[in-house]
């Protein structure tokens, strides 16, 4: 009959099962936290993109109004008609307010609203336009 001999390795370094399980657990917890951070950063990035597009939509309207005749802007004081963006995501409202009694200074406020996962969001840009007397 063959006898089994037990081989004992002395001074050999190796990981025990407990150490391997502990390292796997630490790795799993770390990866779970990193995945959660990644998902959060994706959400924040999408939100920042929405704000940037809404700001550009508002700025485009301000630039359009700056190119108009000042008399036309004075006639539009108090009037506001919401406009949709070409993609239908954003709604833009323009408010023109008289700043001085002689109507030589107007405050133009452009408010852009949209819906996202967090509810209604908005961006508002305001500028002042003065009548320079040259009609434009």
N, C-alpha and C. Protein backbone atom coordinates (compact mmCIF):
# COMPACT_ATOMS: atom_id res chain seq x y z
N UNK A 1 0.84 -1.16 0.00
CA UNK A 1 0.00 0.00 0.00
C UNK A 1 0.89 1.23 0.00
N UNK A 2 0.45 2.23 -0.73
CA UNK A 2 1.22 3.43 -0.85
C UNK A 2 0.86 4.37 0.29
N UNK A 3 1.84 4.93 0.88
CA UNK A 3 1.55 5.87 1.95
C UNK A 3 1.60 7.30 1.41
N UNK A 4 0.69 8.07 1.94
CA UNK A 4 0.64 9.48 1.54
C UNK A 4 1.54 10.27 2.45
N UNK A 5 2.32 11.07 1.84
CA UNK A 5 3.18 11.93 2.63
C UNK A 5 2.65 13.36 2.54
N UNK A 6 2.67 13.99 3.64
CA UNK A 6 2.23 15.38 3.68
C UNK A 6 3.46 16.25 3.48
N UNK A 7 3.35 17.11 2.51
CA UNK A 7 4.45 18.00 2.24
C UNK A 7 4.17 19.32 2.95
N UNK A 8 5.05 19.77 3.72
CA UNK A 8 4.91 21.02 4.45
C UNK A 8 5.94 22.00 3.90
N UNK A 9 5.42 23.14 3.45
CA UNK A 9 6.31 24.18 2.95
C UNK A 9 6.61 25.13 4.08
N UNK A 10 7.79 25.32 4.35
CA UNK A 10 8.17 26.23 5.41
C UNK A 10 8.71 27.52 4.80
N UNK A 11 8.39 28.61 5.46
CA UNK A 11 8.85 29.94 5.05
C UNK A 11 8.33 30.34 3.66
N UNK A 12 7.21 29.78 3.26
CA UNK A 12 6.58 30.18 1.99
C UNK A 12 5.49 31.20 2.34
N UNK A 13 5.47 32.29 1.58
CA UNK A 13 4.42 33.28 1.83
C UNK A 13 3.29 33.03 0.85
N UNK A 14 2.08 33.02 1.38
CA UNK A 14 0.88 32.81 0.56
C UNK A 14 -0.28 33.47 1.27
N UNK A 15 -1.35 33.69 0.50
CA UNK A 15 -2.53 34.30 1.09
C UNK A 15 -3.44 33.21 1.62
N UNK A 16 -4.00 33.48 2.78
CA UNK A 16 -4.97 32.54 3.32
C UNK A 16 -6.33 32.85 2.70
N UNK A 17 -7.24 31.95 2.86
CA UNK A 17 -8.58 32.12 2.32
C UNK A 17 -9.25 33.36 2.93
N UNK A 18 -9.03 33.61 4.19
CA UNK A 18 -9.61 34.77 4.86
C UNK A 18 -9.08 36.07 4.24
N UNK A 19 -7.81 36.10 3.94
CA UNK A 19 -7.22 37.30 3.33
C UNK A 19 -7.78 37.52 1.93
N UNK A 20 -7.96 36.48 1.17
CA UNK A 20 -8.51 36.60 -0.18
C UNK A 20 -9.96 37.08 -0.12
N UNK A 21 -10.74 36.56 0.78
CA UNK A 21 -12.14 36.99 0.93
C UNK A 21 -12.20 38.45 1.37
N UNK A 22 -11.35 38.83 2.32
CA UNK A 22 -11.33 40.22 2.78
C UNK A 22 -10.93 41.17 1.66
N UNK A 23 -9.93 40.81 0.88
CA UNK A 23 -9.50 41.65 -0.24
C UNK A 23 -10.59 41.75 -1.30
N UNK A 24 -11.28 40.68 -1.56
CA UNK A 24 -12.39 40.69 -2.54
C UNK A 24 -13.52 41.59 -2.05
N UNK A 25 -13.82 41.52 -0.77
CA UNK A 25 -14.87 42.37 -0.20
C UNK A 25 -14.49 43.85 -0.32
N UNK A 26 -13.27 44.19 0.02
CA UNK A 26 -12.81 45.59 -0.07
C UNK A 26 -12.86 46.06 -1.52
N UNK A 27 -12.45 45.23 -2.44
CA UNK A 27 -12.49 45.57 -3.86
C UNK A 27 -13.94 45.79 -4.32
N UNK A 28 -14.84 44.93 -3.89
CA UNK A 28 -16.26 45.07 -4.28
C UNK A 28 -16.86 46.36 -3.74
N UNK A 29 -16.58 46.70 -2.51
CA UNK A 29 -17.10 47.94 -1.92
C UNK A 29 -16.53 49.15 -2.64
N UNK A 30 -15.26 49.13 -2.94
CA UNK A 30 -14.62 50.24 -3.65
C UNK A 30 -15.19 50.41 -5.05
N UNK A 31 -15.35 49.32 -5.77
CA UNK A 31 -15.91 49.41 -7.13
C UNK A 31 -17.36 49.89 -7.10
N UNK A 32 -18.13 49.47 -6.11
CA UNK A 32 -19.52 49.94 -5.99
C UNK A 32 -19.55 51.46 -5.78
N UNK A 33 -18.68 51.96 -4.94
CA UNK A 33 -18.62 53.40 -4.70
C UNK A 33 -18.20 54.15 -5.95
N UNK A 34 -17.23 53.62 -6.68
CA UNK A 34 -16.77 54.27 -7.91
C UNK A 34 -17.86 54.29 -8.98
N UNK A 35 -18.62 53.22 -9.09
CA UNK A 35 -19.71 53.18 -10.07
C UNK A 35 -20.78 54.21 -9.70
N UNK A 36 -21.09 54.33 -8.42
CA UNK A 36 -22.08 55.33 -7.98
C UNK A 36 -21.59 56.74 -8.30
N UNK A 37 -20.32 57.01 -8.07
CA UNK A 37 -19.76 58.33 -8.40
C UNK A 37 -19.81 58.60 -9.90
N UNK A 38 -19.54 57.59 -10.69
CA UNK A 38 -19.58 57.73 -12.14
C UNK A 38 -20.98 58.06 -12.62
N UNK A 39 -21.98 57.36 -12.08
CA UNK A 39 -23.36 57.64 -12.46
C UNK A 39 -23.77 59.04 -12.06
N UNK A 40 -23.35 59.49 -10.90
CA UNK A 40 -23.67 60.85 -10.44
C UNK A 40 -23.01 61.89 -11.35
N UNK A 41 -21.77 61.63 -11.75
CA UNK A 41 -21.09 62.58 -12.62
C UNK A 41 -21.76 62.65 -13.99
N UNK A 42 -22.30 61.55 -14.48
CA UNK A 42 -23.03 61.57 -15.74
C UNK A 42 -24.28 62.44 -15.63
N UNK A 43 -24.98 62.33 -14.51
CA UNK A 43 -26.17 63.15 -14.28
C UNK A 43 -25.83 64.63 -14.20
N UNK A 44 -24.76 64.95 -13.50
CA UNK A 44 -24.34 66.35 -13.39
C UNK A 44 -23.89 66.90 -14.74
N UNK A 45 -23.23 66.08 -15.52
CA UNK A 45 -22.80 66.50 -16.85
C UNK A 45 -24.00 66.80 -17.74
N UNK A 46 -25.01 65.97 -17.69
CA UNK A 46 -26.22 66.21 -18.49
C UNK A 46 -26.91 67.49 -18.03
N UNK A 47 -26.96 67.72 -16.72
CA UNK A 47 -27.56 68.95 -16.20
C UNK A 47 -26.81 70.18 -16.64
N UNK A 48 -25.49 70.10 -16.64
CA UNK A 48 -24.67 71.24 -17.09
C UNK A 48 -24.89 71.50 -18.58
N UNK A 49 -25.06 70.45 -19.35
CA UNK A 49 -25.34 70.62 -20.78
C UNK A 49 -26.67 71.31 -21.00
N UNK A 50 -27.68 70.96 -20.21
CA UNK A 50 -28.98 71.62 -20.32
C UNK A 50 -28.88 73.11 -19.98
N UNK A 51 -28.14 73.43 -18.94
CA UNK A 51 -27.97 74.83 -18.56
C UNK A 51 -27.24 75.60 -19.67
N UNK A 52 -26.22 74.99 -20.25
CA UNK A 52 -25.47 75.66 -21.32
C UNK A 52 -26.35 75.90 -22.55
N UNK A 53 -27.18 74.91 -22.93
CA UNK A 53 -28.07 75.09 -24.08
C UNK A 53 -29.14 76.14 -23.79
N UNK A 54 -29.68 76.14 -22.56
CA UNK A 54 -30.68 77.14 -22.19
C UNK A 54 -30.08 78.54 -22.18
N UNK A 55 -28.87 78.67 -21.68
CA UNK A 55 -28.20 79.98 -21.67
C UNK A 55 -27.96 80.47 -23.09
N UNK A 56 -27.54 79.59 -23.98
CA UNK A 56 -27.32 79.97 -25.38
C UNK A 56 -28.63 80.39 -26.04
N UNK A 57 -29.73 79.71 -25.70
CA UNK A 57 -31.05 80.04 -26.25
C UNK A 57 -31.48 81.43 -25.76
N UNK A 58 -31.23 81.73 -24.51
CA UNK A 58 -31.55 83.06 -23.96
C UNK A 58 -30.66 84.14 -24.57
N UNK A 59 -29.37 83.86 -24.67
CA UNK A 59 -28.43 84.83 -25.22
C UNK A 59 -28.74 85.16 -26.68
N UNK A 60 -29.17 84.16 -27.43
CA UNK A 60 -29.53 84.40 -28.83
C UNK A 60 -30.68 85.41 -28.93
N UNK A 61 -31.64 85.31 -28.02
CA UNK A 61 -32.77 86.25 -28.04
C UNK A 61 -32.31 87.66 -27.66
N UNK A 62 -31.45 87.75 -26.68
CA UNK A 62 -30.93 89.07 -26.29
C UNK A 62 -30.19 89.70 -27.46
N UNK A 63 -29.38 88.94 -28.14
CA UNK A 63 -28.64 89.48 -29.29
C UNK A 63 -29.61 89.90 -30.40
N UNK A 64 -30.64 89.12 -30.60
CA UNK A 64 -31.64 89.48 -31.60
C UNK A 64 -32.32 90.81 -31.24
N UNK A 65 -32.66 90.99 -29.98
CA UNK A 65 -33.32 92.22 -29.55
C UNK A 65 -32.38 93.42 -29.59
N UNK A 66 -31.11 93.20 -29.33
CA UNK A 66 -30.13 94.30 -29.40
C UNK A 66 -30.00 94.83 -30.82
N UNK A 67 -30.29 93.99 -31.80
CA UNK A 67 -30.21 94.41 -33.19
C UNK A 67 -31.46 95.11 -33.70
N UNK A 68 -32.50 95.15 -32.86
CA UNK A 68 -33.74 95.79 -33.30
C UNK A 68 -33.72 97.28 -33.05
N UNK A 69 -34.62 97.97 -33.71
CA UNK A 69 -34.81 99.40 -33.52
C UNK A 69 -35.32 99.64 -32.10
N UNK A 70 -34.76 100.65 -31.42
CA UNK A 70 -35.14 100.93 -30.04
C UNK A 70 -36.63 101.28 -29.92
N UNK A 71 -37.17 101.97 -30.93
CA UNK A 71 -38.59 102.34 -30.90
C UNK A 71 -39.47 101.08 -30.91
N UNK A 72 -39.08 100.07 -31.66
CA UNK A 72 -39.83 98.81 -31.67
C UNK A 72 -39.81 98.14 -30.30
N UNK A 73 -38.67 98.22 -29.63
CA UNK A 73 -38.57 97.65 -28.30
C UNK A 73 -39.45 98.40 -27.31
N UNK A 74 -39.50 99.73 -27.43
CA UNK A 74 -40.37 100.52 -26.55
C UNK A 74 -41.83 100.11 -26.74
N UNK A 75 -42.24 99.81 -27.97
CA UNK A 75 -43.61 99.39 -28.23
C UNK A 75 -43.92 98.02 -27.65
N UNK A 76 -42.91 97.24 -27.35
CA UNK A 76 -43.11 95.89 -26.83
C UNK A 76 -43.06 95.83 -25.30
N UNK A 77 -43.00 96.97 -24.64
CA UNK A 77 -42.95 96.99 -23.17
C UNK A 77 -44.20 96.30 -22.61
N UNK A 78 -43.97 95.38 -21.71
CA UNK A 78 -45.07 94.67 -21.06
C UNK A 78 -45.63 93.51 -21.84
N UNK A 79 -45.22 93.32 -23.07
CA UNK A 79 -45.72 92.21 -23.88
C UNK A 79 -44.75 91.04 -23.79
N UNK A 80 -45.29 89.85 -23.72
CA UNK A 80 -44.44 88.67 -23.68
C UNK A 80 -45.20 87.50 -24.28
N UNK A 81 -44.56 86.82 -25.20
CA UNK A 81 -45.15 85.64 -25.82
C UNK A 81 -44.13 84.50 -25.72
N UNK A 82 -44.45 83.43 -25.01
CA UNK A 82 -43.49 82.32 -24.89
C UNK A 82 -43.17 81.71 -26.26
N UNK A 83 -41.90 81.35 -26.43
CA UNK A 83 -41.44 80.71 -27.66
C UNK A 83 -40.80 79.38 -27.29
N UNK A 84 -40.99 78.39 -28.13
CA UNK A 84 -40.35 77.09 -27.95
C UNK A 84 -39.05 77.05 -28.75
N UNK A 85 -38.09 76.32 -28.23
CA UNK A 85 -36.85 76.09 -28.97
C UNK A 85 -37.15 75.15 -30.14
N UNK A 86 -36.28 75.13 -31.15
CA UNK A 86 -36.53 74.24 -32.29
C UNK A 86 -36.70 72.77 -31.92
N UNK A 87 -36.02 72.34 -30.86
CA UNK A 87 -36.17 70.94 -30.44
C UNK A 87 -37.35 70.73 -29.49
N UNK A 88 -38.02 71.82 -29.09
CA UNK A 88 -39.20 71.72 -28.25
C UNK A 88 -38.92 71.50 -26.78
N UNK A 89 -37.66 71.48 -26.38
CA UNK A 89 -37.30 71.20 -24.99
C UNK A 89 -37.41 72.45 -24.12
N UNK A 90 -37.02 73.60 -24.66
CA UNK A 90 -36.93 74.82 -23.89
C UNK A 90 -38.04 75.79 -24.27
N UNK A 91 -38.53 76.54 -23.27
CA UNK A 91 -39.50 77.61 -23.50
C UNK A 91 -38.86 78.92 -23.07
N UNK A 92 -38.93 79.91 -23.94
CA UNK A 92 -38.28 81.21 -23.70
C UNK A 92 -39.35 82.28 -23.57
N UNK A 93 -39.24 83.11 -22.52
CA UNK A 93 -40.14 84.23 -22.31
C UNK A 93 -39.31 85.51 -22.21
N UNK A 94 -39.76 86.54 -22.90
CA UNK A 94 -39.05 87.81 -22.90
C UNK A 94 -39.92 88.85 -22.21
N UNK A 95 -39.31 89.60 -21.28
CA UNK A 95 -40.00 90.69 -20.61
C UNK A 95 -39.20 91.96 -20.80
N UNK A 96 -39.86 93.01 -21.29
CA UNK A 96 -39.20 94.30 -21.47
C UNK A 96 -39.86 95.27 -20.51
N UNK A 97 -39.04 95.91 -19.69
CA UNK A 97 -39.52 96.82 -18.65
C UNK A 97 -38.87 98.18 -18.85
N UNK A 98 -39.66 99.21 -18.69
CA UNK A 98 -39.17 100.59 -18.78
C UNK A 98 -38.43 100.90 -17.48
N UNK A 99 -37.18 101.33 -17.60
CA UNK A 99 -36.37 101.63 -16.42
C UNK A 99 -36.43 103.10 -16.02
N UNK A 100 -36.65 103.99 -16.98
CA UNK A 100 -36.69 105.42 -16.71
C UNK A 100 -37.98 106.00 -17.28
N UNK A 101 -38.49 107.09 -16.70
CA UNK A 101 -39.76 107.67 -17.18
C UNK A 101 -39.73 108.08 -18.65
N UNK A 102 -38.60 108.49 -19.16
CA UNK A 102 -38.53 108.93 -20.56
C UNK A 102 -38.32 107.76 -21.54
N UNK A 103 -38.32 106.55 -21.04
CA UNK A 103 -38.17 105.33 -21.84
C UNK A 103 -36.87 105.29 -22.63
N UNK A 104 -35.83 105.90 -22.09
CA UNK A 104 -34.53 105.87 -22.76
C UNK A 104 -33.67 104.70 -22.29
N UNK A 105 -34.15 103.99 -21.28
CA UNK A 105 -33.43 102.84 -20.76
C UNK A 105 -34.44 101.72 -20.53
N UNK A 106 -34.16 100.57 -21.13
CA UNK A 106 -35.06 99.42 -21.02
C UNK A 106 -34.31 98.25 -20.41
N UNK A 107 -35.01 97.51 -19.56
CA UNK A 107 -34.47 96.27 -18.99
C UNK A 107 -35.12 95.12 -19.75
N UNK A 108 -34.28 94.28 -20.31
CA UNK A 108 -34.76 93.11 -21.04
C UNK A 108 -34.36 91.87 -20.25
N UNK A 109 -35.37 91.07 -19.93
CA UNK A 109 -35.14 89.82 -19.19
C UNK A 109 -35.63 88.66 -20.05
N UNK A 110 -34.76 87.68 -20.22
CA UNK A 110 -35.11 86.48 -20.97
C UNK A 110 -35.05 85.30 -19.99
N UNK A 111 -36.18 84.64 -19.84
CA UNK A 111 -36.29 83.49 -18.94
C UNK A 111 -36.51 82.24 -19.78
N UNK A 112 -35.66 81.24 -19.57
CA UNK A 112 -35.77 79.97 -20.29
C UNK A 112 -36.08 78.89 -19.27
N UNK A 113 -37.13 78.10 -19.57
CA UNK A 113 -37.54 77.01 -18.68
C UNK A 113 -37.48 75.68 -19.44
N UNK A 114 -37.25 74.61 -18.68
CA UNK A 114 -37.30 73.27 -19.24
C UNK A 114 -37.54 72.28 -18.11
N UNK A 115 -37.96 71.09 -18.48
CA UNK A 115 -38.20 70.01 -17.52
C UNK A 115 -37.08 68.99 -17.64
N UNK A 116 -36.63 68.49 -16.50
CA UNK A 116 -35.70 67.37 -16.51
C UNK A 116 -36.06 66.42 -15.38
N UNK A 117 -35.19 65.50 -15.05
CA UNK A 117 -35.48 64.51 -14.03
C UNK A 117 -35.71 65.13 -12.65
N UNK A 118 -35.17 66.31 -12.42
CA UNK A 118 -35.31 66.99 -11.13
C UNK A 118 -36.50 67.93 -11.08
N UNK A 119 -37.26 68.03 -12.17
CA UNK A 119 -38.41 68.94 -12.22
C UNK A 119 -38.14 70.11 -13.14
N UNK A 120 -38.86 71.21 -12.89
CA UNK A 120 -38.69 72.38 -13.75
C UNK A 120 -37.40 73.11 -13.39
N UNK A 121 -36.64 73.44 -14.43
CA UNK A 121 -35.40 74.20 -14.28
C UNK A 121 -35.54 75.50 -15.05
N UNK A 122 -34.74 76.50 -14.70
CA UNK A 122 -34.80 77.76 -15.43
C UNK A 122 -33.47 78.50 -15.39
N UNK A 123 -33.28 79.30 -16.42
CA UNK A 123 -32.13 80.18 -16.54
C UNK A 123 -32.68 81.55 -16.92
N UNK A 124 -32.16 82.59 -16.29
CA UNK A 124 -32.63 83.94 -16.58
C UNK A 124 -31.43 84.83 -16.90
N UNK A 125 -31.54 85.57 -18.01
CA UNK A 125 -30.52 86.56 -18.38
C UNK A 125 -31.19 87.92 -18.46
N UNK A 126 -30.53 88.94 -17.94
CA UNK A 126 -31.07 90.29 -17.95
C UNK A 126 -30.01 91.24 -18.48
N UNK A 127 -30.47 92.20 -19.29
CA UNK A 127 -29.55 93.23 -19.81
C UNK A 127 -30.30 94.55 -19.85
N UNK A 128 -29.54 95.63 -19.91
CA UNK A 128 -30.11 96.97 -20.07
C UNK A 128 -29.73 97.49 -21.45
N UNK A 129 -30.71 98.12 -22.11
CA UNK A 129 -30.46 98.74 -23.41
C UNK A 129 -30.83 100.21 -23.30
N UNK A 130 -29.96 101.06 -23.81
CA UNK A 130 -30.20 102.49 -23.78
C UNK A 130 -30.47 103.02 -25.19
N UNK A 131 -31.33 104.02 -25.27
CA UNK A 131 -31.61 104.68 -26.54
C UNK A 131 -30.43 105.59 -26.86
N UNK A 132 -29.71 105.27 -27.91
CA UNK A 132 -28.55 106.07 -28.29
C UNK A 132 -28.93 107.21 -29.22
N UNK A 133 -30.19 107.21 -29.63
CA UNK A 133 -30.67 108.30 -30.48
C UNK A 133 -30.38 108.11 -31.95
N UNK A 134 -29.75 106.99 -32.34
CA UNK A 134 -29.45 106.79 -33.75
C UNK A 134 -30.42 105.81 -34.39
N UNK A 135 -31.50 105.46 -33.65
CA UNK A 135 -32.55 104.63 -34.23
C UNK A 135 -32.28 103.15 -34.18
N UNK A 136 -31.10 102.69 -33.82
CA UNK A 136 -30.83 101.27 -33.84
C UNK A 136 -30.23 100.77 -32.59
